[in-house]
């Protein structure tokens, strides 16, 4: 899994039936403090995340193993919203 920050959303009215009705969010990979890195990409939301949330993303073939994406043509899925991150004894991120 990866840590990513939700930076926006996208709407696609014409898409594969397997992802019809699914929210598509734009995310960027992030470090443990929530600082973004890398290029943005689209991930299917399975947990009602929103813009500004730090999330857990599963990608590659593993993205097709959630209850909502089994067999769907997806490459990235948001599987969790992060409440806090702790590295050692230091809290590096806490959701406001």
Protein backbone atom coordinates (compact mmCIF):
# COMPACT_ATOMS: atom_id res chain seq x y z
CA UNK A 1 0.00 0.00 0.00
CA UNK A 2 0.95 3.60 -0.54
CA UNK A 3 0.21 6.83 1.29
CA UNK A 4 -1.39 9.46 -0.96
CA UNK A 5 -3.13 12.81 -0.70
CA UNK A 6 -6.48 13.37 -2.44
CA UNK A 7 -6.12 16.55 -4.50
CA UNK A 8 -9.32 16.50 -6.55
CA UNK A 9 -11.91 14.45 -8.36
CA UNK A 10 -12.88 13.62 -11.88
CA UNK A 11 -16.14 12.73 -13.58
CA UNK A 12 -16.39 10.22 -16.39
CA UNK A 13 -19.87 9.65 -17.78
CA UNK A 14 -18.69 7.03 -20.26
CA UNK A 15 -16.70 4.21 -18.64
CA UNK A 16 -16.56 0.45 -18.18
CA UNK A 17 -19.70 -0.93 -16.49
CA UNK A 18 -17.56 -2.49 -13.74
CA UNK A 19 -16.72 0.96 -12.35
CA UNK A 20 -20.05 2.62 -13.09
CA UNK A 21 -21.26 4.53 -10.03
CA UNK A 22 -17.80 4.64 -8.43
CA UNK A 23 -16.23 7.93 -7.34
CA UNK A 24 -12.93 8.65 -9.09
CA UNK A 25 -10.46 10.77 -7.13
CA UNK A 26 -7.18 12.36 -8.18
CA UNK A 27 -4.35 11.54 -5.79
CA UNK A 28 -0.61 12.11 -5.47
CA UNK A 29 1.73 9.88 -3.51
CA UNK A 30 2.84 11.45 -0.21
CA UNK A 31 5.40 10.93 2.52
CA UNK A 32 4.64 10.21 6.19
CA UNK A 33 4.09 13.94 6.86
CA UNK A 34 1.61 14.30 4.01
CA UNK A 35 4.04 16.12 1.65
CA UNK A 36 3.16 15.27 -1.95
CA UNK A 37 5.55 13.80 -4.49
CA UNK A 38 5.25 12.33 -7.94
CA UNK A 39 2.62 12.79 -10.60
CA UNK A 40 -1.13 12.80 -9.97
CA UNK A 41 -3.16 9.72 -10.87
CA UNK A 42 -6.77 8.56 -10.63
CA UNK A 43 -7.89 6.08 -7.97
CA UNK A 44 -11.29 4.47 -7.43
CA UNK A 45 -12.67 5.48 -4.02
CA UNK A 46 -14.11 2.63 -1.93
CA UNK A 47 -14.21 4.42 1.45
CA UNK A 48 -15.87 7.84 0.87
CA UNK A 49 -12.63 9.82 0.93
CA UNK A 50 -12.56 13.45 -0.13
CA UNK A 51 -10.25 16.24 -1.25
CA UNK A 52 -7.59 16.93 1.37
CA UNK A 53 -7.71 13.45 2.92
CA UNK A 54 -4.53 11.47 3.39
CA UNK A 55 -5.38 7.96 2.22
CA UNK A 56 -4.09 4.43 1.75
CA UNK A 57 -3.92 3.35 -1.88
CA UNK A 58 -3.47 -0.14 -3.26
CA UNK A 59 -2.28 -0.28 -6.84
CA UNK A 60 -1.38 -2.69 -9.60
CA UNK A 61 -3.11 -6.06 -9.74
CA UNK A 62 -3.88 -5.82 -5.99
CA UNK A 63 -6.34 -3.01 -6.78
CA UNK A 64 -8.71 -5.61 -8.22
CA UNK A 65 -9.03 -7.52 -4.94
CA UNK A 66 -11.42 -5.28 -3.00
CA UNK A 67 -15.09 -6.20 -2.63
CA UNK A 68 -16.03 -3.30 -4.90
CA UNK A 69 -13.39 -3.76 -7.61
CA UNK A 70 -13.11 -7.52 -8.11
CA UNK A 71 -12.59 -8.09 -11.81
CA UNK A 72 -12.80 -4.36 -12.63
CA UNK A 73 -10.26 -2.74 -14.95
CA UNK A 74 -8.66 -0.59 -12.24
CA UNK A 75 -5.05 0.10 -11.33
CA UNK A 76 -5.41 2.17 -8.13
CA UNK A 77 -7.97 1.97 -5.30
CA UNK A 78 -8.36 4.03 -2.14
CA UNK A 79 -8.85 1.50 0.65
CA UNK A 80 -8.54 3.66 3.77
CA UNK A 81 -8.56 7.21 5.13
CA UNK A 82 -5.66 7.92 7.49
CA UNK A 83 -6.47 9.48 10.86
CA UNK A 84 -2.88 9.77 12.08
CA UNK A 85 0.65 8.60 11.32
CA UNK A 86 3.32 7.94 13.90
CA UNK A 87 6.99 7.33 13.16
CA UNK A 88 8.79 6.10 16.26
CA UNK A 89 7.35 8.28 19.00
CA UNK A 90 6.67 11.26 16.74
CA UNK A 91 3.25 11.92 15.26
CA UNK A 92 3.95 13.08 11.71
CA UNK A 93 0.33 13.55 10.64
CA UNK A 94 -2.99 13.96 12.40
CA UNK A 95 -6.25 14.52 10.56
CA UNK A 96 -7.84 17.83 11.53
